[in-house]
Amino acid sequence: MKAYPFPVMPASALSVGVDLIEVSRIARAVERWGERFLRRVYTANEIALCDGRVPELAVRFAGKEAISKALGTGLVGIDWTEMEILADFRGKPIVRLHGRARNRAEELGLHRWAISLTHTKEHAMAMVVAGGA
């Protein structure tokens, strides 16, 4: 039995997700909930990478929202920490999926992920494109 009642796309399909949020929303969550919020939404690697920089946390939050849209699930059945946005040796953002998020991507034939992140003082935005082999 599959975890999601959504149709499976052919491996040749592309899937896109985009999200825009206010940086202040994440700042308020960090202020109010602190470590509890950080551990619920971000992996230990992401927390270390962002080093408390709220715009970096915000843009990764937007990235996770964009990934969940590309997976076609929103956050139904997927935990925040099952989607991870790190950086390669040059600083380019990369997507790593774990657990149910990875399973959903495999069901859809989505094996290649590209993500773009940007932010200002006020807003953070992410766009993700995923495709088959």
N, C-alpha and C. Protein backbone atom coordinates (compact mmCIF):
# COMPACT_ATOMS: atom_id res chain seq x y z
N MET A 1 0.84 -1.18 0.00
CA MET A 1 0.00 0.00 0.00
C MET A 1 0.89 1.24 0.00
N LYS A 2 0.62 2.15 -0.92
CA LYS A 2 1.41 3.37 -1.01
C LYS A 2 0.94 4.38 0.04
N ALA A 3 1.89 5.22 0.46
CA ALA A 3 1.60 6.18 1.51
C ALA A 3 0.75 7.35 1.03
N TYR A 4 0.69 7.57 -0.29
CA TYR A 4 0.00 8.74 -0.81
C TYR A 4 -1.02 8.34 -1.86
N PRO A 5 -2.20 8.92 -1.83
CA PRO A 5 -3.23 8.58 -2.81
C PRO A 5 -3.12 9.43 -4.08
N PHE A 6 -1.92 9.83 -4.45
CA PHE A 6 -1.73 10.69 -5.61
C PHE A 6 -1.24 9.86 -6.79
N PRO A 7 -1.56 10.29 -8.01
CA PRO A 7 -1.09 9.54 -9.18
C PRO A 7 0.42 9.63 -9.33
N VAL A 8 0.98 8.61 -9.93
CA VAL A 8 2.42 8.57 -10.19
C VAL A 8 2.68 9.15 -11.57
N MET A 9 3.68 10.05 -11.65
CA MET A 9 4.05 10.66 -12.92
C MET A 9 5.08 9.78 -13.62
N PRO A 10 5.11 9.83 -14.95
CA PRO A 10 6.17 9.08 -15.65
C PRO A 10 7.53 9.67 -15.33
N ALA A 11 8.57 8.83 -15.45
CA ALA A 11 9.93 9.26 -15.11
C ALA A 11 10.40 10.43 -15.95
N SER A 12 9.82 10.62 -17.13
CA SER A 12 10.23 11.72 -17.99
C SER A 12 9.61 13.05 -17.58
N ALA A 13 8.70 13.03 -16.62
CA ALA A 13 8.00 14.24 -16.20
C ALA A 13 8.90 15.16 -15.38
N LEU A 14 8.55 16.42 -15.40
CA LEU A 14 9.19 17.40 -14.54
C LEU A 14 8.20 17.83 -13.48
N SER A 15 8.71 18.24 -12.35
CA SER A 15 7.87 18.78 -11.30
C SER A 15 8.54 20.02 -10.74
N VAL A 16 7.74 21.05 -10.52
CA VAL A 16 8.26 22.34 -10.08
C VAL A 16 7.56 22.77 -8.80
N GLY A 17 8.29 23.46 -7.93
CA GLY A 17 7.70 24.05 -6.74
C GLY A 17 8.35 25.39 -6.48
N VAL A 18 7.58 26.33 -5.97
CA VAL A 18 8.11 27.66 -5.65
C VAL A 18 7.44 28.14 -4.37
N ASP A 19 8.17 28.92 -3.58
CA ASP A 19 7.59 29.48 -2.36
C ASP A 19 8.27 30.79 -2.02
N LEU A 20 7.49 31.70 -1.48
CA LEU A 20 7.95 33.02 -1.04
C LEU A 20 7.40 33.26 0.36
N ILE A 21 8.28 33.62 1.29
CA ILE A 21 7.82 33.91 2.65
C ILE A 21 8.47 35.19 3.16
N GLU A 22 7.92 35.71 4.24
CA GLU A 22 8.51 36.87 4.91
C GLU A 22 9.55 36.37 5.92
N VAL A 23 10.73 36.94 5.88
CA VAL A 23 11.80 36.56 6.80
C VAL A 23 11.35 36.78 8.24
N SER A 24 10.56 37.81 8.48
CA SER A 24 10.10 38.11 9.84
C SER A 24 9.27 36.98 10.43
N ARG A 25 8.61 36.21 9.60
CA ARG A 25 7.82 35.06 10.08
C ARG A 25 8.73 34.04 10.75
N ILE A 26 9.88 33.78 10.15
CA ILE A 26 10.82 32.83 10.74
C ILE A 26 11.49 33.44 11.97
N ALA A 27 11.80 34.73 11.91
CA ALA A 27 12.39 35.41 13.06
C ALA A 27 11.46 35.29 14.28
N ARG A 28 10.17 35.50 14.06
CA ARG A 28 9.20 35.39 15.16
C ARG A 28 9.14 33.96 15.71
N ALA A 29 9.18 32.97 14.81
CA ALA A 29 9.13 31.57 15.25
C ALA A 29 10.37 31.22 16.07
N VAL A 30 11.54 31.68 15.63
CA VAL A 30 12.77 31.42 16.37
C VAL A 30 12.73 32.11 17.72
N GLU A 31 12.24 33.35 17.76
CA GLU A 31 12.11 34.09 19.02
C GLU A 31 11.18 33.37 19.99
N ARG A 32 10.04 32.94 19.48
CA ARG A 32 9.02 32.35 20.34
C ARG A 32 9.36 30.92 20.77
N TRP A 33 9.81 30.09 19.83
CA TRP A 33 9.98 28.67 20.10
C TRP A 33 11.43 28.23 20.21
N GLY A 34 12.38 29.03 19.75
CA GLY A 34 13.80 28.72 19.88
C GLY A 34 14.21 27.38 19.31
N GLU A 35 14.96 26.62 20.11
CA GLU A 35 15.49 25.31 19.68
C GLU A 35 14.39 24.34 19.28
N ARG A 36 13.27 24.42 19.93
CA ARG A 36 12.15 23.52 19.61
C ARG A 36 11.73 23.70 18.15
N PHE A 37 11.60 24.94 17.71
CA PHE A 37 11.27 25.23 16.31
C PHE A 37 12.39 24.76 15.39
N LEU A 38 13.61 25.09 15.72
CA LEU A 38 14.74 24.74 14.86
C LEU A 38 14.83 23.22 14.67
N ARG A 39 14.71 22.45 15.74
CA ARG A 39 14.82 20.99 15.65
C ARG A 39 13.64 20.37 14.91
N ARG A 40 12.49 21.03 14.95
CA ARG A 40 11.30 20.50 14.26
C ARG A 40 11.40 20.68 12.75
N VAL A 41 12.02 21.79 12.32
CA VAL A 41 12.02 22.17 10.91
C VAL A 41 13.34 21.84 10.20
N TYR A 42 14.44 21.95 10.89
CA TYR A 42 15.76 21.84 10.25
C TYR A 42 16.55 20.65 10.78
N THR A 43 17.38 20.10 9.90
CA THR A 43 18.30 19.03 10.34
C THR A 43 19.47 19.66 11.09
N ALA A 44 20.21 18.84 11.80
CA ALA A 44 21.39 19.34 12.51
C ALA A 44 22.38 19.97 11.54
N ASN A 45 22.51 19.40 10.34
CA ASN A 45 23.42 19.96 9.33
C ASN A 45 22.96 21.35 8.87
N GLU A 46 21.65 21.52 8.69
CA GLU A 46 21.12 22.82 8.28
C GLU A 46 21.30 23.86 9.38
N ILE A 47 21.05 23.48 10.60
CA ILE A 47 21.22 24.40 11.74
C ILE A 47 22.67 24.86 11.80
N ALA A 48 23.60 23.94 11.65
CA ALA A 48 25.02 24.29 11.67
C ALA A 48 25.38 25.20 10.49
N LEU A 49 24.88 24.87 9.31
CA LEU A 49 25.18 25.65 8.12
C LEU A 49 24.66 27.09 8.24
N CYS A 50 23.46 27.25 8.75
CA CYS A 50 22.85 28.59 8.87
C CYS A 50 23.44 29.39 10.02
N ASP A 51 23.94 28.73 11.04
CA ASP A 51 24.63 29.38 12.16
C ASP A 51 23.84 30.55 12.75
N GLY A 52 22.52 30.35 12.89
CA GLY A 52 21.68 31.37 13.51
C GLY A 52 21.27 32.52 12.60
N ARG A 53 21.70 32.53 11.36
CA ARG A 53 21.34 33.61 10.42
C ARG A 53 19.91 33.40 9.95
N VAL A 54 19.02 34.26 10.41
CA VAL A 54 17.59 34.10 10.14
C VAL A 54 17.27 34.11 8.64
N PRO A 55 17.86 34.99 7.83
CA PRO A 55 17.54 34.91 6.39
C PRO A 55 17.91 33.56 5.78
N GLU A 56 18.99 32.93 6.24
CA GLU A 56 19.37 31.61 5.74
C GLU A 56 18.37 30.54 6.19
N LEU A 57 17.89 30.65 7.41
CA LEU A 57 16.86 29.74 7.89
C LEU A 57 15.58 29.94 7.09
N ALA A 58 15.21 31.20 6.85
CA ALA A 58 13.98 31.50 6.13
C ALA A 58 14.01 30.97 4.70
N VAL A 59 15.14 31.14 4.03
CA VAL A 59 15.20 30.69 2.64
C VAL A 59 15.15 29.15 2.57
N ARG A 60 15.67 28.48 3.56
CA ARG A 60 15.56 27.01 3.59
C ARG A 60 14.14 26.58 3.93
N PHE A 61 13.46 27.34 4.75
CA PHE A 61 12.04 27.07 5.02
C PHE A 61 11.26 27.16 3.71
N ALA A 62 11.48 28.24 2.95
CA ALA A 62 10.83 28.39 1.65
C ALA A 62 11.21 27.24 0.73
N GLY A 63 12.47 26.82 0.78
CA GLY A 63 12.92 25.71 -0.05
C GLY A 63 12.19 24.42 0.27
N LYS A 64 11.97 24.16 1.54
CA LYS A 64 11.26 22.95 1.95
C LYS A 64 9.80 23.00 1.49
N GLU A 65 9.20 24.18 1.56
CA GLU A 65 7.84 24.35 1.05
C GLU A 65 7.81 24.07 -0.46
N ALA A 66 8.81 24.59 -1.18
CA ALA A 66 8.87 24.38 -2.63
C ALA A 66 9.08 22.90 -2.95
N ILE A 67 9.93 22.22 -2.20
CA ILE A 67 10.14 20.78 -2.41
C ILE A 67 8.84 20.02 -2.20
N SER A 68 8.13 20.35 -1.12
CA SER A 68 6.87 19.64 -0.83
C SER A 68 5.86 19.86 -1.95
N LYS A 69 5.87 21.03 -2.56
CA LYS A 69 4.97 21.29 -3.70
C LYS A 69 5.38 20.47 -4.91
N ALA A 70 6.68 20.36 -5.16
CA ALA A 70 7.15 19.54 -6.28
C ALA A 70 6.81 18.07 -6.06
N LEU A 71 6.79 17.64 -4.81
CA LEU A 71 6.41 16.26 -4.49
C LEU A 71 4.90 16.06 -4.59
N GLY A 72 4.15 17.16 -4.68
CA GLY A 72 2.70 17.07 -4.82
C GLY A 72 1.97 16.72 -3.54
N THR A 73 2.64 16.87 -2.41
CA THR A 73 2.03 16.46 -1.13
C THR A 73 1.76 17.62 -0.18
N GLY A 74 2.33 18.79 -0.45
CA GLY A 74 2.39 19.76 0.62
C GLY A 74 3.16 19.08 1.74
N LEU A 75 2.77 19.31 2.96
CA LEU A 75 3.48 18.65 4.07
C LEU A 75 2.70 17.47 4.63
N VAL A 76 1.72 16.99 3.86
CA VAL A 76 0.95 15.83 4.29
C VAL A 76 1.82 14.59 4.19
N GLY A 77 2.04 13.93 5.31
CA GLY A 77 2.78 12.68 5.32
C GLY A 77 4.29 12.82 5.24
N ILE A 78 4.80 14.04 5.30
CA ILE A 78 6.24 14.27 5.22
C ILE A 78 6.65 15.21 6.35
N ASP A 79 7.73 14.87 7.03
CA ASP A 79 8.25 15.74 8.07
C ASP A 79 9.22 16.76 7.46
N TRP A 80 9.30 17.91 8.10
CA TRP A 80 10.21 18.97 7.65
C TRP A 80 11.64 18.46 7.50
N THR A 81 12.07 17.66 8.46
CA THR A 81 13.47 17.22 8.46
C THR A 81 13.77 16.12 7.45
N GLU A 82 12.74 15.63 6.75
CA GLU A 82 12.96 14.66 5.69
C GLU A 82 13.37 15.35 4.38
N MET A 83 13.33 16.66 4.39
CA MET A 83 13.80 17.48 3.26
C MET A 83 14.95 18.31 3.80
N GLU A 84 16.09 18.22 3.16
CA GLU A 84 17.28 18.89 3.66
C GLU A 84 17.91 19.70 2.53
N ILE A 85 18.26 20.94 2.85
CA ILE A 85 18.91 21.81 1.86
C ILE A 85 20.27 22.21 2.40
N LEU A 86 21.29 21.66 1.79
CA LEU A 86 22.67 21.92 2.20
C LEU A 86 23.38 22.70 1.10
N ALA A 87 24.68 22.67 1.10
CA ALA A 87 25.45 23.37 0.07
C ALA A 87 26.59 22.46 -0.39
N ASP A 88 26.91 22.54 -1.68
CA ASP A 88 28.06 21.77 -2.16
C ASP A 88 29.34 22.53 -1.81
N PHE A 89 30.48 22.04 -2.27
CA PHE A 89 31.76 22.63 -1.89
C PHE A 89 31.92 24.06 -2.40
N ARG A 90 31.12 24.46 -3.37
CA ARG A 90 31.17 25.84 -3.89
C ARG A 90 30.10 26.74 -3.27
N GLY A 91 29.23 26.17 -2.45
CA GLY A 91 28.17 26.94 -1.83
C GLY A 91 26.83 26.83 -2.54
N LYS A 92 26.80 26.11 -3.66
CA LYS A 92 25.54 25.92 -4.39
C LYS A 92 24.59 25.06 -3.57
N PRO A 93 23.34 25.50 -3.42
CA PRO A 93 22.40 24.70 -2.62
C PRO A 93 22.06 23.37 -3.30
N ILE A 94 21.96 22.34 -2.48
CA ILE A 94 21.61 21.01 -2.95
C ILE A 94 20.49 20.43 -2.09
N VAL A 95 19.68 19.58 -2.70
CA VAL A 95 18.54 18.95 -2.02
C VAL A 95 18.91 17.52 -1.67
N ARG A 96 18.62 17.15 -0.43
CA ARG A 96 18.73 15.76 0.01
C ARG A 96 17.38 15.37 0.62
N LEU A 97 16.87 14.24 0.20
CA LEU A 97 15.59 13.76 0.72
C LEU A 97 15.83 12.50 1.54
N HIS A 98 15.02 12.36 2.59
CA HIS A 98 15.13 11.22 3.49
C HIS A 98 13.73 10.67 3.75
N GLY A 99 13.67 9.43 4.20
CA GLY A 99 12.42 8.84 4.66
C GLY A 99 11.28 8.92 3.66
N ARG A 100 10.13 9.38 4.12
CA ARG A 100 8.93 9.41 3.28
C ARG A 100 9.05 10.39 2.13
N ALA A 101 9.79 11.47 2.31
CA ALA A 101 10.00 12.40 1.20
C ALA A 101 10.77 11.72 0.07
N ARG A 102 11.77 10.97 0.43
CA ARG A 102 12.55 10.23 -0.57
C ARG A 102 11.69 9.16 -1.25
N ASN A 103 10.89 8.46 -0.45
CA ASN A 103 10.00 7.44 -1.01
C ASN A 103 9.02 8.05 -2.01
N ARG A 104 8.46 9.19 -1.66
CA ARG A 104 7.51 9.87 -2.56
C ARG A 104 8.21 10.27 -3.85
N ALA A 105 9.41 10.82 -3.76
CA ALA A 105 10.15 11.20 -4.96
C ALA A 105 10.40 9.98 -5.85
N GLU A 106 10.75 8.86 -5.24
CA GLU A 106 10.99 7.63 -6.00
C GLU A 106 9.71 7.15 -6.68
N GLU A 107 8.56 7.25 -5.97
CA GLU A 107 7.28 6.87 -6.56
C GLU A 107 6.99 7.69 -7.82
N LEU A 108 7.39 8.95 -7.79
CA LEU A 108 7.14 9.86 -8.91
C LEU A 108 8.22 9.79 -9.99
N GLY A 109 9.27 9.04 -9.72
CA GLY A 109 10.37 8.97 -10.67
C GLY A 109 11.23 10.22 -10.68
N LEU A 110 11.24 10.95 -9.57
CA LEU A 110 12.02 12.19 -9.47
C LEU A 110 13.35 11.88 -8.80
N HIS A 111 14.41 11.89 -9.60
CA HIS A 111 15.73 11.51 -9.09
C HIS A 111 16.73 12.65 -9.15
N ARG A 112 16.43 13.68 -9.91
CA ARG A 112 17.35 14.81 -10.06
C ARG A 112 16.64 16.07 -9.56
N TRP A 113 17.34 16.82 -8.70
CA TRP A 113 16.76 18.01 -8.08
C TRP A 113 17.69 19.20 -8.28
N ALA A 114 17.09 20.33 -8.63
CA ALA A 114 17.81 21.60 -8.71
C ALA A 114 17.02 22.60 -7.89
N ILE A 115 17.73 23.41 -7.12
CA ILE A 115 17.06 24.40 -6.28
C ILE A 115 17.79 25.72 -6.36
N SER A 116 17.03 26.79 -6.36
CA SER A 116 17.58 28.13 -6.34
C SER A 116 16.97 28.87 -5.16
N LEU A 117 17.83 29.52 -4.38
CA LEU A 117 17.40 30.25 -3.18
C LEU A 117 17.82 31.71 -3.29
N THR A 118 16.96 32.60 -2.82
CA THR A 118 17.32 34.01 -2.76
C THR A 118 16.56 34.68 -1.63
N HIS A 119 17.14 35.75 -1.09
CA HIS A 119 16.44 36.48 -0.03
C HIS A 119 16.88 37.93 0.01
N THR A 120 15.99 38.74 0.55
CA THR A 120 16.30 40.13 0.89
C THR A 120 16.12 40.23 2.41
N LYS A 121 16.16 41.43 2.94
CA LYS A 121 15.90 41.59 4.38
C LYS A 121 14.47 41.19 4.72
N GLU A 122 13.54 41.38 3.78
CA GLU A 122 12.13 41.14 4.04
C GLU A 122 11.60 39.80 3.57
N HIS A 123 12.11 39.29 2.47
CA HIS A 123 11.53 38.09 1.86
C HIS A 123 12.59 37.03 1.56
N ALA A 124 12.12 35.79 1.54
CA ALA A 124 12.95 34.65 1.14
C ALA A 124 12.16 33.86 0.10
N MET A 125 12.84 33.44 -0.97
CA MET A 125 12.16 32.72 -2.04
C MET A 125 13.00 31.53 -2.49
N ALA A 126 12.31 30.48 -2.87
CA ALA A 126 12.97 29.29 -3.38
C ALA A 126 12.18 28.74 -4.55
N MET A 127 12.93 28.21 -5.51
CA MET A 127 12.32 27.50 -6.63
C MET A 127 13.05 26.19 -6.80
N VAL A 128 12.30 25.13 -7.01
CA VAL A 128 12.87 23.79 -7.19
C VAL A 128 12.32 23.18 -8.46
N VAL A 129 13.19 22.47 -9.16
CA VAL A 129 12.79 21.69 -10.33
C VAL A 129 13.31 20.27 -10.12
N ALA A 130 12.44 19.31 -10.31
CA ALA A 130 12.82 17.91 -10.16
C ALA A 130 12.45 17.15 -11.42
N GLY A 131 13.27 16.18 -11.75
CA GLY A 131 13.00 15.39 -12.95
C GLY A 131 13.46 13.96 -12.80
N GLY A 132 13.12 13.18 -13.81
CA GLY A 132 13.50 11.78 -13.85
C GLY A 132 14.95 11.61 -14.24
N ALA A 133 15.28 10.35 -14.45
CA ALA A 133 16.67 9.97 -14.78
C ALA A 133 17.23 10.87 -15.83
